[in-house]
All heavy atoms as atom14 arrays in JSON, in Angstrom:
{
  "sequence": "YQAKNSAKMNDIERMALHMAIEDFYEANFAGK",
  "atom14_mask": [
    [1, 1, 1, 1, 1, 1, 1, 1, 1, 1, 1, 1, 0, 0],
    [1, 1, 1, 1, 1, 1, 1, 1, 1, 0, 0, 0, 0, 0],
    [1, 1, 1, 1, 1, 0, 0, 0, 0, 0, 0, 0, 0, 0],
    [1, 1, 1, 1, 1, 1, 1, 1, 1, 0, 0, 0, 0, 0],
    [1, 1, 1, 1, 1, 1, 1, 1, 0, 0, 0, 0, 0, 0],
    [1, 1, 1, 1, 1, 1, 0, 0, 0, 0, 0, 0, 0, 0],
    [1, 1, 1, 1, 1, 0, 0, 0, 0, 0, 0, 0, 0, 0],
    [1, 1, 1, 1, 1, 1, 1, 1, 1, 0, 0, 0, 0, 0],
    [1, 1, 1, 1, 1, 1, 1, 1, 0, 0, 0, 0, 0, 0],
    [1, 1, 1, 1, 1, 1, 1, 1, 0, 0, 0, 0, 0, 0],
    [1, 1, 1, 1, 1, 1, 1, 1, 0, 0, 0, 0, 0, 0],
    [1, 1, 1, 1, 1, 1, 1, 1, 0, 0, 0, 0, 0, 0],
    [1, 1, 1, 1, 1, 1, 1, 1, 1, 0, 0, 0, 0, 0],
    [1, 1, 1, 1, 1, 1, 1, 1, 1, 1, 1, 0, 0, 0],
    [1, 1, 1, 1, 1, 1, 1, 1, 0, 0, 0, 0, 0, 0],
    [1, 1, 1, 1, 1, 0, 0, 0, 0, 0, 0, 0, 0, 0],
    [1, 1, 1, 1, 1, 1, 1, 1, 0, 0, 0, 0, 0, 0],
    [1, 1, 1, 1, 1, 1, 1, 1, 1, 1, 0, 0, 0, 0],
    [1, 1, 1, 1, 1, 1, 1, 1, 0, 0, 0, 0, 0, 0],
    [1, 1, 1, 1, 1, 0, 0, 0, 0, 0, 0, 0, 0, 0],
    [1, 1, 1, 1, 1, 1, 1, 1, 0, 0, 0, 0, 0, 0],
    [1, 1, 1, 1, 1, 1, 1, 1, 1, 0, 0, 0, 0, 0],
    [1, 1, 1, 1, 1, 1, 1, 1, 0, 0, 0, 0, 0, 0],
    [1, 1, 1, 1, 1, 1, 1, 1, 1, 1, 1, 0, 0, 0],
    [1, 1, 1, 1, 1, 1, 1, 1, 1, 1, 1, 1, 0, 0],
    [1, 1, 1, 1, 1, 1, 1, 1, 1, 0, 0, 0, 0, 0],
    [1, 1, 1, 1, 1, 0, 0, 0, 0, 0, 0, 0, 0, 0],
    [1, 1, 1, 1, 1, 1, 1, 1, 0, 0, 0, 0, 0, 0],
    [1, 1, 1, 1, 1, 1, 1, 1, 1, 1, 1, 0, 0, 0],
    [1, 1, 1, 1, 1, 0, 0, 0, 0, 0, 0, 0, 0, 0],
    [1, 1, 1, 1, 0, 0, 0, 0, 0, 0, 0, 0, 0, 0],
    [1, 1, 1, 1, 1, 1, 1, 1, 1, 0, 0, 0, 0, 0]
  ],
  "atom14_positions": [
    [[0.83, -1.2, 0.0], [0.0, 0.0, 0.0], [0.87, 1.26, 0.0], [0.6, 2.22, -0.72], [-0.92, -0.01, 1.22], [-1.79, 1.22, 1.32], [-2.93, 1.33, 0.54], [-1.46, 2.25, 2.19], [-3.72, 2.46, 0.61], [-2.25, 3.38, 2.27], [-3.38, 3.48, 1.49], [-4.15, 4.59, 1.57], [0.0, 0.0, 0.0], [0.0, 0.0, 0.0]],
    [[1.94, 1.23, 0.8], [2.8, 2.39, 0.89], [3.54, 2.63, -0.43], [3.72, 3.77, -0.84], [3.8, 2.21, 2.02], [4.68, 3.4, 2.28], [5.63, 3.17, 3.43], [5.78, 2.06, 3.91], [6.27, 4.22, 3.88], [0.0, 0.0, 0.0], [0.0, 0.0, 0.0], [0.0, 0.0, 0.0], [0.0, 0.0, 0.0], [0.0, 0.0, 0.0]],
    [[3.96, 1.57, -1.09], [4.68, 1.73, -2.36], [3.77, 2.3, -3.45], [4.24, 3.02, -4.32], [5.26, 0.38, -2.8], [0.0, 0.0, 0.0], [0.0, 0.0, 0.0], [0.0, 0.0, 0.0], [0.0, 0.0, 0.0], [0.0, 0.0, 0.0], [0.0, 0.0, 0.0], [0.0, 0.0, 0.0], [0.0, 0.0, 0.0], [0.0, 0.0, 0.0]],
    [[2.49, 1.98, -3.4], [1.57, 2.46, -4.42], [1.06, 3.87, -4.14], [0.85, 4.65, -5.06], [0.36, 1.53, -4.53], [0.68, 0.2, -5.14], [-0.55, -0.67, -5.17], [-0.23, -2.06, -5.68], [-1.4, -2.94, -5.63], [0.0, 0.0, 0.0], [0.0, 0.0, 0.0], [0.0, 0.0, 0.0], [0.0, 0.0, 0.0], [0.0, 0.0, 0.0]],
    [[0.83, 4.22, -2.88], [0.08, 5.43, -2.57], [0.85, 6.52, -1.84], [0.27, 7.53, -1.51], [-1.14, 5.06, -1.72], [-2.06, 4.12, -2.46], [-2.19, 4.2, -3.67], [-2.69, 3.22, -1.73], [0.0, 0.0, 0.0], [0.0, 0.0, 0.0], [0.0, 0.0, 0.0], [0.0, 0.0, 0.0], [0.0, 0.0, 0.0], [0.0, 0.0, 0.0]],
    [[2.13, 6.33, -1.58], [2.85, 7.33, -0.82], [3.49, 8.36, -1.75], [4.28, 8.02, -2.63], [3.94, 6.68, 0.04], [4.62, 7.66, 0.77], [0.0, 0.0, 0.0], [0.0, 0.0, 0.0], [0.0, 0.0, 0.0], [0.0, 0.0, 0.0], [0.0, 0.0, 0.0], [0.0, 0.0, 0.0], [0.0, 0.0, 0.0], [0.0, 0.0, 0.0]],
    [[3.14, 9.61, -1.54], [3.73, 10.69, -2.35], [5.01, 11.21, -1.72], [5.78, 11.91, -2.37], [2.72, 11.82, -2.48], [0.0, 0.0, 0.0], [0.0, 0.0, 0.0], [0.0, 0.0, 0.0], [0.0, 0.0, 0.0], [0.0, 0.0, 0.0], [0.0, 0.0, 0.0], [0.0, 0.0, 0.0], [0.0, 0.0, 0.0], [0.0, 0.0, 0.0]],
    [[5.28, 10.86, -0.46], [6.45, 11.37, 0.24], [7.72, 10.54, -0.02], [8.8, 10.94, 0.38], [6.2, 11.4, 1.74], [5.1, 12.35, 2.14], [4.88, 12.34, 3.62], [3.75, 13.26, 4.01], [3.49, 13.23, 5.45], [0.0, 0.0, 0.0], [0.0, 0.0, 0.0], [0.0, 0.0, 0.0], [0.0, 0.0, 0.0], [0.0, 0.0, 0.0]],
    [[7.57, 9.39, -0.67], [8.72, 8.52, -0.91], [9.47, 8.97, -2.15], [8.87, 9.36, -3.14], [8.28, 7.07, -1.1], [7.71, 6.44, 0.13], [7.12, 4.78, -0.16], [8.63, 3.97, -0.58], [0.0, 0.0, 0.0], [0.0, 0.0, 0.0], [0.0, 0.0, 0.0], [0.0, 0.0, 0.0], [0.0, 0.0, 0.0], [0.0, 0.0, 0.0]],
    [[10.8, 8.9, -2.1], [11.56, 9.16, -3.32], [11.69, 7.87, -4.11], [11.24, 6.81, -3.7], [12.92, 9.78, -2.98], [13.76, 8.89, -2.1], [13.54, 7.68, -2.02], [14.74, 9.48, -1.44], [0.0, 0.0, 0.0], [0.0, 0.0, 0.0], [0.0, 0.0, 0.0], [0.0, 0.0, 0.0], [0.0, 0.0, 0.0], [0.0, 0.0, 0.0]],
    [[12.29, 7.97, -5.28], [12.36, 6.81, -6.18], [13.2, 5.67, -5.62], [12.9, 4.5, -5.85], [12.9, 7.23, -7.54], [11.93, 8.11, -8.3], [10.72, 8.02, -8.0], [12.37, 8.87, -9.18], [0.0, 0.0, 0.0], [0.0, 0.0, 0.0], [0.0, 0.0, 0.0], [0.0, 0.0, 0.0], [0.0, 0.0, 0.0], [0.0, 0.0, 0.0]],
    [[14.24, 5.99, -4.88], [15.11, 4.95, -4.33], [14.37, 4.13, -3.28], [14.45, 2.9, -3.26], [16.4, 5.59, -3.75], [17.2, 6.25, -4.88], [17.24, 4.55, -3.03], [18.35, 7.08, -4.4], [0.0, 0.0, 0.0], [0.0, 0.0, 0.0], [0.0, 0.0, 0.0], [0.0, 0.0, 0.0], [0.0, 0.0, 0.0], [0.0, 0.0, 0.0]],
    [[13.65, 4.8, -2.39], [12.87, 4.08, -1.38], [11.77, 3.24, -2.01], [11.54, 2.11, -1.6], [12.25, 5.08, -0.39], [13.25, 5.81, 0.46], [12.63, 6.92, 1.26], [11.5, 7.34, 0.93], [13.26, 7.37, 2.22], [0.0, 0.0, 0.0], [0.0, 0.0, 0.0], [0.0, 0.0, 0.0], [0.0, 0.0, 0.0], [0.0, 0.0, 0.0]],
    [[11.1, 3.8, -3.01], [10.04, 3.05, -3.69], [10.61, 1.83, -4.4], [10.02, 0.75, -4.39], [9.31, 3.97, -4.66], [8.1, 3.32, -5.29], [7.27, 4.3, -6.07], [6.46, 5.1, -5.15], [6.52, 6.42, -5.01], [7.34, 7.12, -5.74], [5.76, 7.04, -4.14], [0.0, 0.0, 0.0], [0.0, 0.0, 0.0], [0.0, 0.0, 0.0]],
    [[11.78, 1.97, -5.03], [12.4, 0.84, -5.71], [12.82, -0.24, -4.72], [12.68, -1.44, -5.01], [13.62, 1.31, -6.51], [14.26, 0.22, -7.33], [13.18, -0.47, -8.58], [13.12, 0.86, -9.74], [0.0, 0.0, 0.0], [0.0, 0.0, 0.0], [0.0, 0.0, 0.0], [0.0, 0.0, 0.0], [0.0, 0.0, 0.0], [0.0, 0.0, 0.0]],
    [[13.31, 0.15, -3.56], [13.7, -0.84, -2.55], [12.48, -1.62, -2.06], [12.56, -2.85, -1.86], [14.39, -0.14, -1.38], [0.0, 0.0, 0.0], [0.0, 0.0, 0.0], [0.0, 0.0, 0.0], [0.0, 0.0, 0.0], [0.0, 0.0, 0.0], [0.0, 0.0, 0.0], [0.0, 0.0, 0.0], [0.0, 0.0, 0.0], [0.0, 0.0, 0.0]],
    [[11.35, -0.94, -1.86], [10.13, -1.64, -1.46], [9.64, -2.58, -2.56], [9.25, -3.72, -2.28], [9.03, -0.64, -1.12], [9.01, -0.13, 0.3], [7.89, 0.88, 0.48], [8.87, -1.23, 1.29], [0.0, 0.0, 0.0], [0.0, 0.0, 0.0], [0.0, 0.0, 0.0], [0.0, 0.0, 0.0], [0.0, 0.0, 0.0], [0.0, 0.0, 0.0]],
    [[9.68, -2.12, -3.8], [9.25, -2.97, -4.91], [10.14, -4.2, -5.04], [9.67, -5.29, -5.35], [9.22, -2.2, -6.22], [8.0, -1.38, -6.41], [6.74, -1.93, -6.54], [7.81, -0.04, -6.49], [5.85, -0.98, -6.68], [6.48, 0.19, -6.65], [0.0, 0.0, 0.0], [0.0, 0.0, 0.0], [0.0, 0.0, 0.0], [0.0, 0.0, 0.0]],
    [[11.44, -4.05, -4.78], [12.34, -5.19, -4.86], [12.03, -6.22, -3.78], [12.04, -7.43, -4.04], [13.8, -4.72, -4.76], [14.29, -4.04, -6.01], [15.94, -3.34, -5.86], [16.88, -4.73, -5.33], [0.0, 0.0, 0.0], [0.0, 0.0, 0.0], [0.0, 0.0, 0.0], [0.0, 0.0, 0.0], [0.0, 0.0, 0.0], [0.0, 0.0, 0.0]],
    [[11.72, -5.75, -2.57], [11.38, -6.68, -1.49], [10.06, -7.4, -1.78], [9.92, -8.6, -1.53], [11.29, -5.94, -0.16], [0.0, 0.0, 0.0], [0.0, 0.0, 0.0], [0.0, 0.0, 0.0], [0.0, 0.0, 0.0], [0.0, 0.0, 0.0], [0.0, 0.0, 0.0], [0.0, 0.0, 0.0], [0.0, 0.0, 0.0], [0.0, 0.0, 0.0]],
    [[9.11, -6.67, -2.33], [7.8, -7.26, -2.64], [7.93, -8.26, -3.79], [7.39, -9.37, -3.73], [6.78, -6.15, -2.96], [6.49, -5.32, -1.71], [5.49, -6.74, -3.51], [5.74, -4.04, -1.98], [0.0, 0.0, 0.0], [0.0, 0.0, 0.0], [0.0, 0.0, 0.0], [0.0, 0.0, 0.0], [0.0, 0.0, 0.0], [0.0, 0.0, 0.0]],
    [[8.66, -7.89, -4.86], [8.83, -8.8, -5.98], [9.62, -10.04, -5.59], [9.34, -11.14, -6.07], [9.53, -8.08, -7.13], [8.65, -7.1, -7.86], [9.38, -6.37, -8.96], [10.5, -6.79, -9.32], [8.84, -5.37, -9.45], [0.0, 0.0, 0.0], [0.0, 0.0, 0.0], [0.0, 0.0, 0.0], [0.0, 0.0, 0.0], [0.0, 0.0, 0.0]],
    [[10.6, -9.86, -4.71], [11.38, -11.0, -4.24], [10.49, -12.0, -3.5], [10.67, -13.21, -3.6], [12.51, -10.52, -3.33], [13.48, -11.61, -2.97], [13.73, -12.47, -3.83], [13.99, -11.59, -1.83], [0.0, 0.0, 0.0], [0.0, 0.0, 0.0], [0.0, 0.0, 0.0], [0.0, 0.0, 0.0], [0.0, 0.0, 0.0], [0.0, 0.0, 0.0]],
    [[9.51, -11.48, -2.77], [8.58, -12.36, -2.07], [7.71, -13.13, -3.07], [7.54, -14.34, -2.95], [7.69, -11.55, -1.12], [6.57, -12.34, -0.53], [6.81, -13.23, 0.5], [5.28, -12.23, -1.01], [5.78, -13.97, 1.05], [4.25, -12.96, -0.47], [4.51, -13.83, 0.57], [0.0, 0.0, 0.0], [0.0, 0.0, 0.0], [0.0, 0.0, 0.0]],
    [[7.14, -12.44, -4.05], [6.21, -13.09, -4.98], [6.9, -14.03, -5.96], [6.27, -14.91, -6.52], [5.38, -12.05, -5.73], [4.29, -11.48, -4.89], [4.26, -10.15, -4.55], [3.28, -12.29, -4.39], [3.25, -9.62, -3.76], [2.27, -11.78, -3.59], [2.27, -10.44, -3.29], [1.27, -9.93, -2.5], [0.0, 0.0, 0.0], [0.0, 0.0, 0.0]],
    [[8.21, -13.86, -6.2], [8.93, -14.75, -7.1], [9.45, -16.0, -6.4], [9.91, -16.92, -7.07], [10.09, -14.0, -7.75], [9.63, -12.95, -8.74], [10.77, -12.15, -9.31], [11.93, -12.38, -8.9], [10.51, -11.28, -10.16], [0.0, 0.0, 0.0], [0.0, 0.0, 0.0], [0.0, 0.0, 0.0], [0.0, 0.0, 0.0], [0.0, 0.0, 0.0]],
    [[9.38, -16.06, -5.09], [9.89, -17.22, -4.35], [8.91, -18.38, -4.42], [7.71, -18.2, -4.69], [10.12, -16.83, -2.88], [0.0, 0.0, 0.0], [0.0, 0.0, 0.0], [0.0, 0.0, 0.0], [0.0, 0.0, 0.0], [0.0, 0.0, 0.0], [0.0, 0.0, 0.0], [0.0, 0.0, 0.0], [0.0, 0.0, 0.0], [0.0, 0.0, 0.0]],
    [[9.43, -19.58, -4.18], [8.55, -20.75, -4.12], [7.85, -20.78, -2.75], [8.0, -19.86, -1.95], [9.34, -22.03, -4.38], [10.46, -22.23, -3.39], [10.62, -21.45, -2.48], [11.25, -23.26, -3.59], [0.0, 0.0, 0.0], [0.0, 0.0, 0.0], [0.0, 0.0, 0.0], [0.0, 0.0, 0.0], [0.0, 0.0, 0.0], [0.0, 0.0, 0.0]],
    [[7.12, -21.83, -2.48], [6.31, -21.88, -1.25], [7.18, -21.77, 0.0], [6.87, -21.0, 0.91], [5.5, -23.17, -1.21], [4.67, -23.31, 0.03], [3.51, -22.56, 0.19], [5.05, -24.18, 1.04], [2.76, -22.67, 1.33], [4.3, -24.29, 2.18], [3.15, -23.55, 2.33], [0.0, 0.0, 0.0], [0.0, 0.0, 0.0], [0.0, 0.0, 0.0]],
    [[8.25, -22.54, 0.05], [9.13, -22.5, 1.24], [9.77, -21.13, 1.4], [9.91, -20.62, 2.52], [10.19, -23.58, 1.14], [0.0, 0.0, 0.0], [0.0, 0.0, 0.0], [0.0, 0.0, 0.0], [0.0, 0.0, 0.0], [0.0, 0.0, 0.0], [0.0, 0.0, 0.0], [0.0, 0.0, 0.0], [0.0, 0.0, 0.0], [0.0, 0.0, 0.0]],
    [[10.14, -20.51, 0.29], [10.71, -19.17, 0.36], [9.72, -18.14, 0.86], [10.08, -17.23, 1.61], [0.0, 0.0, 0.0], [0.0, 0.0, 0.0], [0.0, 0.0, 0.0], [0.0, 0.0, 0.0], [0.0, 0.0, 0.0], [0.0, 0.0, 0.0], [0.0, 0.0, 0.0], [0.0, 0.0, 0.0], [0.0, 0.0, 0.0], [0.0, 0.0, 0.0]],
    [[8.46, -18.29, 0.46], [7.43, -17.36, 0.95], [7.2, -17.53, 2.45], [7.04, -16.56, 3.18], [6.13, -17.57, 0.19], [6.18, -17.06, -1.22], [4.88, -17.24, -1.94], [5.02, -16.73, -3.36], [3.8, -16.88, -4.13], [0.0, 0.0, 0.0], [0.0, 0.0, 0.0], [0.0, 0.0, 0.0], [0.0, 0.0, 0.0], [0.0, 0.0, 0.0]]
  ]
}
């Protein structure tokens, strides 16, 4: 929610959040 709707975040912080979120969704069941 914060990555999509926060106007106070700069691009570096938003990219770090997106990387953590994508890393979660690309993992297999045990990784999740």
